[in-house]
Protein backbone atom coordinates (compact mmCIF):
# COMPACT_ATOMS: atom_id res chain seq x y z
CA MET A 1 45.02 116.07 -63.08
CA ILE A 2 43.28 113.36 -65.06
CA GLY A 3 46.44 111.32 -64.99
CA GLU A 4 46.73 111.47 -61.23
CA TRP A 5 43.10 110.84 -60.23
CA GLY A 6 41.62 109.13 -63.30
CA SER A 7 43.67 105.99 -62.83
CA ILE A 8 41.86 105.33 -59.57
CA VAL A 9 38.47 105.03 -61.15
CA PRO A 10 39.01 102.05 -63.20
CA VAL A 11 40.86 100.24 -60.47
CA LEU A 12 37.83 100.83 -58.22
CA ALA A 13 35.51 99.62 -60.84
CA VAL A 14 37.61 96.53 -61.35
CA ALA A 15 37.74 95.75 -57.64
CA ALA A 16 34.04 96.06 -57.36
CA ALA A 17 33.49 93.64 -60.25
CA LEU A 18 35.88 91.18 -58.70
CA ARG A 19 33.95 91.39 -55.65
CA ILE A 20 30.40 91.19 -57.07
CA ARG A 21 31.42 88.48 -59.86
CA ARG A 22 28.27 89.39 -62.08
CA PRO A 23 28.52 89.95 -65.80
CA ARG A 24 26.98 93.50 -65.75
CA PRO A 25 29.43 95.01 -63.23
CA THR A 26 32.30 93.17 -65.05
CA ALA A 27 31.29 94.82 -68.48
CA ALA A 28 30.94 98.08 -66.66
CA ALA A 29 34.62 97.87 -65.32
CA GLY A 30 35.73 97.19 -68.94
CA VAL A 31 33.79 100.36 -70.10
CA VAL A 32 35.41 102.44 -67.58
CA SER A 33 38.91 101.17 -68.52
CA LEU A 34 38.08 101.82 -72.18
CA ALA A 35 36.84 105.38 -71.42
CA LEU A 36 40.07 106.17 -69.50
CA THR A 37 42.21 104.77 -72.27
CA ALA A 38 40.24 106.89 -74.86
CA VAL A 39 40.87 110.10 -72.87
CA GLY A 40 44.51 109.15 -72.41
CA ALA A 41 44.88 108.73 -76.17
CA ALA A 42 43.19 111.87 -77.01
CA LEU A 43 45.50 113.91 -74.62
CA GLY A 44 48.56 112.29 -76.04
CA GLY A 45 49.11 109.92 -73.09
CA PHE A 46 49.17 110.20 -69.42
CA GLY A 47 52.82 109.15 -68.94
CA GLU A 48 54.14 106.10 -67.11
CA ASP A 49 53.70 107.85 -63.70
CA GLY A 50 49.81 108.00 -64.40
CA PRO A 51 47.63 105.32 -65.30
CA ALA A 52 50.44 103.38 -67.03
CA GLY A 53 52.36 103.22 -63.84
CA THR A 54 51.94 101.26 -60.63
CA VAL A 55 48.11 101.81 -60.36
CA GLY A 56 47.63 101.03 -64.16
CA VAL A 57 49.36 97.77 -63.75
CA ALA A 58 47.08 96.88 -60.83
CA GLU A 59 44.24 97.59 -63.04
CA LEU A 60 45.69 95.50 -65.87
CA ILE A 61 46.12 92.44 -63.48
CA GLY A 62 42.50 93.02 -62.22
CA LEU A 63 41.26 93.03 -65.92
CA LEU A 64 43.20 89.74 -66.61
CA VAL A 65 41.75 88.19 -63.56
CA LEU A 66 38.20 89.25 -64.61
CA VAL A 67 38.64 87.75 -68.10
CA THR A 68 39.68 84.45 -66.51
CA MET A 69 36.87 84.41 -63.92
CA THR A 70 34.12 85.30 -66.55
CA VAL A 71 35.28 82.77 -69.05
CA ARG A 72 35.36 80.12 -66.39
CA THR A 73 31.69 80.79 -65.42
CA GLY A 74 30.63 80.28 -69.09
CA ARG A 75 28.38 83.39 -68.88
CA GLY A 76 28.85 87.02 -69.85
CA ARG A 77 30.03 86.89 -73.47
CA VAL A 78 29.42 90.67 -73.75
CA ALA A 79 31.40 91.32 -70.60
CA VAL A 80 34.27 89.15 -72.09
CA GLY A 81 34.27 91.08 -75.30
CA VAL A 82 34.33 94.53 -73.47
CA LEU A 83 37.20 93.21 -71.21
CA ALA A 84 39.04 91.95 -74.28
CA ALA A 85 38.85 95.40 -75.90
CA ALA A 86 40.03 97.13 -72.77
CA LEU A 87 43.00 94.95 -72.47
CA LEU A 88 43.62 95.30 -76.28
CA CYS A 89 43.84 99.16 -75.89
CA TRP A 90 45.34 99.41 -72.45
CA PRO A 91 48.96 99.80 -73.81
CA LEU A 92 47.88 102.99 -75.91
CA ARG A 93 47.88 104.96 -72.69
CA TYR A 94 51.68 105.54 -72.80
CA ALA A 95 52.89 109.06 -73.13
CA ALA A 96 54.21 109.34 -76.65
CA PRO A 97 51.67 109.13 -79.41
CA VAL A 98 52.44 105.95 -81.46
CA GLU A 99 51.83 105.16 -85.20
CA GLY A 100 52.05 102.54 -87.55
CA TRP A 101 53.93 99.26 -86.56
CA GLN A 102 54.35 100.74 -83.05
CA GLN A 103 50.60 100.96 -82.55
CA VAL A 104 50.23 97.30 -83.92
CA GLY A 105 52.82 96.05 -81.53
CA LEU A 106 51.11 97.60 -78.48
CA LEU A 107 47.80 96.33 -79.69
CA GLY A 108 49.50 92.84 -80.06
CA PHE A 109 50.71 93.14 -76.43
CA GLY A 110 47.28 93.64 -75.10
CA ALA A 111 45.89 90.86 -77.31
CA VAL A 112 48.34 88.40 -75.94
CA GLY A 113 47.33 89.18 -72.41
CA ALA A 114 43.51 88.93 -73.10
CA LEU A 115 44.00 85.67 -75.23
CA GLY A 116 46.29 84.19 -72.26
CA ALA A 117 43.63 84.95 -69.64
CA ALA A 118 40.83 83.65 -71.78
CA LEU A 119 42.65 80.37 -72.28
CA VAL A 120 43.33 79.95 -68.56
CA GLY A 121 39.60 80.63 -67.82
CA PHE A 122 38.53 78.08 -70.49
CA TYR A 123 40.87 75.46 -69.11
CA LEU A 124 39.42 76.05 -65.58
CA TRP A 125 35.92 76.00 -67.21
CA SER A 126 36.60 72.54 -68.70
CA LEU A 127 37.81 71.21 -65.46
CA ASP A 128 34.85 72.40 -63.69
CA GLY A 129 32.59 70.62 -66.32
CA LEU A 130 34.59 67.44 -66.08
CA ARG A 131 34.16 67.35 -62.26
CA ARG A 132 30.36 68.02 -62.50
CA ARG A 133 30.11 65.15 -64.97
CA GLU A 134 32.08 62.88 -62.83
CA VAL A 135 29.97 63.62 -59.73
CA ALA A 136 26.80 63.13 -61.74
CA ALA A 137 28.06 59.97 -63.13
CA ALA A 138 29.04 58.75 -59.56
CA ARG A 139 25.70 59.76 -58.20
CA ARG A 140 23.91 57.94 -61.08
CA ALA A 141 25.85 54.86 -60.46
CA GLU A 142 25.05 54.93 -56.75
CA GLN A 143 21.30 55.39 -57.51
CA LEU A 144 21.47 52.31 -59.78
CA GLU A 145 23.32 50.32 -57.28
CA LEU A 146 20.38 51.18 -54.77
CA ALA A 147 17.94 50.11 -57.28
CA HIS A 148 19.64 46.69 -57.69
CA ASP A 149 19.81 46.31 -53.85
CA LEU A 150 16.16 47.13 -53.48
CA HIS A 151 15.25 44.66 -56.15
CA ASP A 152 17.13 41.99 -54.25
CA PHE A 153 15.48 42.92 -50.90
CA VAL A 154 12.02 43.17 -52.44
CA ALA A 155 12.39 40.01 -54.38
CA HIS A 156 13.27 38.16 -51.30
CA ASP A 157 10.36 39.27 -49.48
CA VAL A 158 7.83 38.73 -52.32
CA SER A 159 9.40 35.22 -52.82
CA GLY A 160 8.59 34.47 -49.21
CA MET A 161 5.05 35.65 -49.68
CA VAL A 162 4.77 33.43 -52.77
CA ALA A 163 5.96 30.41 -50.77
CA LEU A 164 3.50 31.15 -47.96
CA ALA A 165 0.74 31.50 -50.50
CA GLN A 166 1.64 28.15 -51.98
CA ALA A 167 1.71 26.42 -48.63
CA GLY A 168 -1.66 28.03 -47.87
CA GLY A 169 -3.20 26.73 -51.09
CA PHE A 170 -2.08 23.29 -50.29
CA LEU A 171 -3.58 23.42 -46.80
CA ALA A 172 -6.73 24.95 -48.21
CA GLU A 173 -7.50 22.19 -50.83
CA PRO A 174 -10.62 21.05 -48.84
CA HIS A 175 -11.97 24.52 -49.27
CA PRO A 176 -11.81 25.47 -52.96
CA GLU A 177 -12.87 29.13 -52.43
CA LEU A 178 -10.15 29.71 -49.91
CA ALA A 179 -7.70 27.79 -52.16
CA GLU A 180 -8.48 30.01 -55.04
CA VAL A 181 -7.66 33.24 -52.98
CA PHE A 182 -4.21 31.67 -52.23
CA ARG A 183 -3.75 30.88 -55.80
CA ARG A 184 -4.50 34.43 -56.79
CA ILE A 185 -2.05 35.66 -54.30
CA GLU A 186 0.57 33.37 -55.69
CA GLN A 187 -0.01 34.61 -59.16
CA SER A 188 0.12 38.18 -58.12
CA GLY A 189 3.43 37.62 -56.42
CA GLN A 190 4.83 35.95 -59.47
CA GLN A 191 3.68 38.80 -61.67
CA ALA A 192 5.43 41.30 -59.16
CA LEU A 193 8.62 39.28 -59.35
CA SER A 194 8.57 39.35 -63.15
CA SER A 195 7.89 43.19 -63.21
CA LEU A 196 10.83 43.71 -60.74
CA ASP A 197 13.12 41.61 -62.98
CA ARG A 198 12.13 43.39 -66.10
CA THR A 199 12.43 46.90 -64.53
CA VAL A 200 15.98 46.14 -63.16
CA ALA A 201 17.05 44.54 -66.51
CA LEU A 202 16.38 47.96 -68.19
CA LEU A 203 18.75 49.55 -65.63
CA ARG A 204 21.58 47.01 -65.96
CA THR A 205 24.56 47.83 -68.17
CA PRO A 206 26.19 45.20 -70.52
CA GLU A 207 29.22 44.92 -68.23
CA GLU A 208 26.77 43.85 -65.35
CA ASP A 209 24.92 41.34 -67.59
CA ALA A 210 28.38 39.77 -68.42
CA ALA A 211 29.39 39.69 -64.79
CA GLY A 212 26.28 37.63 -63.93
CA ARG A 213 24.59 37.60 -60.53
CA ARG A 214 25.77 40.06 -57.95
CA ALA A 215 27.16 38.97 -54.54
CA PRO A 216 24.88 39.57 -51.58
CA GLN A 217 25.07 43.00 -50.25
CA PRO A 218 27.02 43.29 -46.85
CA GLY A 219 25.30 44.95 -43.89
CA LEU A 220 25.84 45.69 -40.12
CA ALA A 221 26.92 42.04 -39.62
CA GLU A 222 29.96 42.46 -41.77
CA LEU A 223 31.11 45.69 -40.01
CA PRO A 224 33.35 43.98 -37.54
CA ALA A 225 35.15 41.92 -40.16
CA LEU A 226 35.56 45.40 -42.09
CA ALA A 227 37.00 46.92 -39.07
CA GLU A 228 39.35 44.12 -38.41
CA ARG A 229 40.83 44.23 -41.93
CA PHE A 230 41.27 47.93 -41.70
CA THR A 231 43.14 47.88 -38.51
CA ALA A 232 45.25 44.82 -39.49
CA SER A 233 46.50 46.85 -42.57
CA GLY A 234 48.43 48.94 -40.20
CA ALA A 235 45.84 51.92 -40.33
CA ALA A 236 44.09 53.35 -37.39
CA GLU A 237 42.17 51.22 -34.79
CA VAL A 238 38.41 51.29 -35.48
CA ARG A 239 36.08 51.24 -32.59
CA LEU A 240 32.56 50.01 -33.28
CA ASP A 241 29.32 51.01 -31.31
CA LEU A 242 26.53 49.03 -33.05
CA PRO A 243 22.88 48.51 -32.13
CA GLU A 244 21.57 45.15 -30.73
CA ARG A 245 18.52 45.01 -32.80
CA PRO A 246 18.62 44.69 -36.57
CA VAL A 247 18.03 47.81 -38.67
CA GLY A 248 16.71 46.63 -42.00
CA ARG A 249 18.61 45.22 -44.99
CA GLU A 250 18.33 48.64 -46.96
CA ALA A 251 19.72 50.65 -44.02
CA GLY A 252 22.28 48.01 -43.06
CA ALA A 253 23.75 47.90 -46.68
CA THR A 254 23.86 51.74 -46.91
CA VAL A 255 25.57 51.97 -43.54
CA HIS A 256 28.22 49.25 -44.54
CA ARG A 257 29.03 51.34 -47.84
CA ILE A 258 29.24 54.60 -45.99
CA VAL A 259 31.61 53.20 -43.45
CA ALA A 260 33.81 51.53 -46.05
CA GLU A 261 33.97 54.77 -48.00
CA ALA A 262 34.97 56.73 -44.79
CA LEU A 263 37.56 54.30 -43.86
CA THR A 264 39.09 54.53 -47.38
CA ASN A 265 39.19 58.29 -47.04
CA VAL A 266 40.83 58.03 -43.66
CA ARG A 267 43.58 55.78 -45.18
CA ARG A 268 44.09 58.18 -48.15
CA HIS A 269 43.74 61.46 -46.34
CA ALA A 270 44.48 61.04 -42.72
CA PRO A 271 47.48 58.74 -42.54
CA ALA A 272 48.44 60.14 -39.10
CA ALA A 273 45.10 59.13 -37.56
CA ARG A 274 45.34 56.75 -34.67
CA SER A 275 41.67 55.93 -34.09
CA VAL A 276 38.27 55.97 -35.91
CA THR A 277 35.05 55.65 -34.00
CA VAL A 278 31.98 54.17 -35.91
CA SER A 279 28.74 54.73 -34.13
CA VAL A 280 25.20 53.46 -35.31
CA ARG A 281 22.25 54.21 -33.06
CA ARG A 282 18.48 54.64 -33.26
CA LEU A 283 16.98 58.10 -32.78
CA ASP A 284 13.60 57.86 -31.18
CA GLY A 285 13.08 54.51 -32.70
CA GLN A 286 12.25 55.90 -36.09
CA ARG A 287 15.49 57.16 -37.53
CA LEU A 288 19.02 55.79 -37.74
CA GLU A 289 22.11 57.77 -37.20
CA LEU A 290 25.63 56.74 -38.38
CA THR A 291 28.83 58.76 -37.49
CA VAL A 292 32.29 57.98 -38.49
CA ALA A 293 34.91 60.28 -36.84
CA ASP A 294 38.75 60.06 -36.88
CA ASP A 295 41.12 61.97 -34.60
CA GLY A 296 43.28 63.30 -37.32
CA GLY A 297 46.53 62.01 -35.63
CA ALA A 298 48.48 63.29 -32.64
CA VAL A 299 50.83 65.32 -34.75
CA GLU A 300 50.16 68.34 -36.97
CA SER A 301 49.78 67.55 -40.48
CA PRO A 302 49.19 69.78 -43.59
CA PRO A 303 45.54 70.59 -44.29
CA ARG A 304 43.64 67.84 -45.88
CA HIS A 305 41.62 68.30 -48.96
CA ARG A 306 38.92 65.48 -49.57
CA GLY A 307 38.99 64.44 -53.15
CA GLY A 308 37.01 61.86 -55.23
CA HIS A 309 33.19 61.45 -55.55
CA GLY A 310 32.49 58.58 -53.31
CA LEU A 311 30.65 60.55 -50.41
CA SER A 312 28.96 62.56 -53.05
CA ALA A 313 27.52 59.54 -54.73
CA LEU A 314 26.60 57.99 -51.39
CA ALA A 315 24.74 61.10 -50.63
CA ALA A 316 22.39 60.31 -53.52
CA ARG A 317 21.87 56.92 -52.14
CA VAL A 318 20.89 58.23 -48.64
CA GLU A 319 18.61 60.97 -50.13
CA ALA A 320 16.89 58.05 -52.01
CA LEU A 321 16.25 56.50 -48.72
CA GLY A 322 14.75 59.74 -47.26
CA GLY A 323 17.85 60.69 -45.29
CA THR A 324 20.83 63.17 -45.36
CA LEU A 325 24.55 62.77 -45.41
CA ASP A 326 27.15 65.41 -44.22
CA ALA A 327 30.89 65.39 -43.98
CA GLY A 328 33.24 68.00 -42.62
CA ARG A 329 36.12 68.87 -40.32
CA ALA A 330 35.63 68.31 -36.59
CA GLY A 331 38.49 69.29 -34.42
CA GLN A 332 41.53 67.98 -35.79
CA GLY A 333 39.76 65.19 -37.47
CA TRP A 334 36.97 64.52 -40.05
CA LEU A 335 33.42 63.61 -39.31
CA VAL A 336 30.87 61.96 -41.42
CA THR A 337 27.22 61.92 -40.34
CA ALA A 338 24.27 60.11 -41.93
CA THR A 339 20.66 59.81 -40.82
CA PHE A 340 17.73 58.07 -42.52
CA PRO A 341 14.38 56.69 -41.50
CA LEU A 342 14.01 53.08 -40.33
CA PRO A 343 11.44 50.64 -41.60
CA ALA A 344 8.53 49.84 -39.46
CA GLU A 345 9.04 47.13 -36.88
CA GLY A 346 8.84 43.78 -38.68
CA ALA A 347 9.22 45.21 -42.07
CA SER A 348 12.69 44.45 -42.33
């Protein structure tokens, strides 16, 4: 009776643990399996038609999957230990009592299964950690790139203020008090430029120092040339819908980088695409919305899996500007949407 119905209990416990995916239910499934093994060993074995039969094999597979999943999460050491013990003892449920080297052999069978599942879980855990580190490094690099861009933009504006202050001081020479005000404005501007240079110098890497001055960052004005190069390479045709008024250097540079990354993804992951639509428009005059949509091609193609960390890194850049970036499937194609606030009129 126990052999017929007892085998169902650990299977249900393992199934529940697989669904919940928490350390305590996982450890409980291992305890249930160990308890049934202990009962079977005390009764001299259930026989291959009982827990060691088809239902028992399903339980064994579930225990192996639980070990792999638990090790992959890096949590639940107690649960891993209980599962390993359950796998180690599982072969002892066979009908005939075993002693000596036979018992060692059965225990070794369980140990090999537990070790193999743990190694697979550890390998997946290492891959997850590597991907997290790569994403974090890409986001960090994008944030540093944004800091460099903001330095260039702010330095340009402050330099203009300093030049105006110098001109004002020259014109105000007949009025010493007014000339002194302009002189102080010039000094404050020069100090601000020096502070910006020192701050960005702390962020620069030795490779960037060796490379020298960075090239000017492209913006909306360079998007038509980018679209022409993409189409000329034999890829999909790019349709642009750009605003007539300027949107600011920070926003323009970010839009250009997102479009370039999105077009790269189309070339890599959607070779059957025939058209890509890039739209940049103002929302209520206060926010900017960018959408990049491809048609995915006229013929059916295998599902696409977007790889790399380009969009994840750009999301950090957009978030630093107070916006959001989303990417996902839209119909047969792929849609990238970014929104971020615009600077006040005249501030760009």
